[in-house]
Structures are given as C-alpha cells and as structure tokens.
Protein backbone atom coordinates (compact mmCIF):
# COMPACT_ATOMS: atom_id res chain seq x y z
CA UNK A 1 -11.58 -0.03 15.17
CA UNK A 2 -12.41 0.64 11.59
CA UNK A 3 -12.25 -2.96 9.50
CA UNK A 4 -9.95 -2.95 6.72
CA UNK A 5 -11.06 -3.76 3.42
CA UNK A 6 -9.93 -6.55 1.12
CA UNK A 7 -7.72 -4.98 -1.72
CA UNK A 8 -5.71 -6.72 -4.40
CA UNK A 9 -2.06 -5.80 -4.72
CA UNK A 10 -2.69 -3.64 -7.89
CA UNK A 11 -5.40 -1.77 -6.61
CA UNK A 12 -2.90 -0.88 -3.80
CA UNK A 13 -0.03 -0.29 -5.76
CA UNK A 14 -2.60 2.50 -7.99
CA UNK A 15 -3.83 3.79 -4.73
CA UNK A 16 -0.01 4.68 -3.39
CA UNK A 17 0.92 6.04 -6.79
CA UNK A 18 -2.31 8.22 -6.70
CA UNK A 19 -1.10 9.68 -3.32
CA UNK A 20 2.23 10.47 -4.81
CA UNK A 21 4.59 7.30 -4.08
CA UNK A 22 6.79 5.79 -6.75
CA UNK A 23 8.21 2.69 -7.03
CA UNK A 24 12.13 2.72 -6.68
CA UNK A 25 13.16 -0.67 -5.78
CA UNK A 26 11.86 -4.52 -6.55
CA UNK A 27 13.21 -7.68 -5.48
CA UNK A 28 11.13 -10.56 -6.47
CA UNK A 29 7.49 -10.20 -5.69
CA UNK A 30 8.11 -7.16 -3.33
CA UNK A 31 8.14 -3.67 -4.47
CA UNK A 32 9.23 -0.70 -2.44
CA UNK A 33 7.63 2.48 -2.55
CA UNK A 34 8.63 6.13 -1.34
CA UNK A 35 7.19 9.67 -1.31
CA UNK A 36 9.12 12.79 -1.83
CA UNK A 37 8.32 13.50 1.90
CA UNK A 38 10.42 10.60 3.12
CA UNK A 39 7.80 8.05 3.64
CA UNK A 40 8.46 4.53 2.45
CA UNK A 41 6.99 1.26 2.63
CA UNK A 42 7.20 -2.44 0.94
CA UNK A 43 4.16 -3.96 -1.09
CA UNK A 44 4.02 -7.71 -2.01
CA UNK A 45 2.85 -7.54 -5.45
CA UNK A 46 1.14 -11.38 -6.04
CA UNK A 47 -1.33 -11.31 -9.18
CA UNK A 48 -4.64 -12.22 -8.23
CA UNK A 49 -4.47 -12.43 -4.48
CA UNK A 50 -5.60 -9.92 -1.63
CA UNK A 51 -3.17 -8.45 0.53
CA UNK A 52 -3.54 -9.86 4.01
CA UNK A 53 -5.39 -7.72 6.37
CA UNK A 54 -2.35 -7.44 8.78
CA UNK A 55 0.22 -6.32 5.91
CA UNK A 56 -2.52 -4.00 4.57
CA UNK A 57 -2.33 -2.51 8.26
CA UNK A 58 1.27 -2.36 8.78
CA UNK A 59 1.42 -0.35 5.11
CA UNK A 60 -0.89 2.38 6.17
CA UNK A 61 0.91 2.50 9.62
CA UNK A 62 4.30 3.10 7.72
CA UNK A 63 2.68 5.86 5.36
CA UNK A 64 0.71 7.36 8.27
CA UNK A 65 -2.56 7.22 6.87
CA UNK A 66 -5.73 5.99 8.38
CA UNK A 67 -8.03 3.17 6.95
CA UNK A 68 -10.77 6.11 6.22
CA UNK A 69 -8.17 8.33 3.90
CA UNK A 70 -7.17 4.85 2.40
CA UNK A 71 -11.12 4.13 1.48
CA UNK A 72 -11.26 7.84 0.11
CA UNK A 73 -8.39 7.28 -2.11
CA UNK A 74 -9.71 3.75 -3.32
C-alpha cells in the first residue's frame, strides 16, 4: 500500500480544480466539489493545516483516483 503524502487543504483544492472539479457549495470550512461526470467529494478547508491522511484517503476514494495518480497531479 502506498503511503499518502501530507497535503495542505489549498494544495488539494488546486489539484481538484486541475482535474476538472469545481466548488459548488460551502458550509463553514467545508467545500463540496463535483465533476461533470458526477463524482463528488467534500474537502475541509482549514488554512495552514494538513489534510489528515484518512481524510485524504476518503477523498481519493470518492473521486476514484489512486494515490499515484494524485501525486502526478500535484
């Protein structure tokens, strides 16, 4: 199993946007993203903090990409 990199929330948001996702709803510090093909995910946006590895794993699972593909986008 591949180890997940430590990623700040803004870097994750930029990577999602690069993959074609767009923010469509925000509640507090959580932004919901969707893609035109129907994939959706929610990202906690806390400035200056890393996304916990379990949360990053869940986001990648929801958008159906592997950690290797995610590293390529970063």
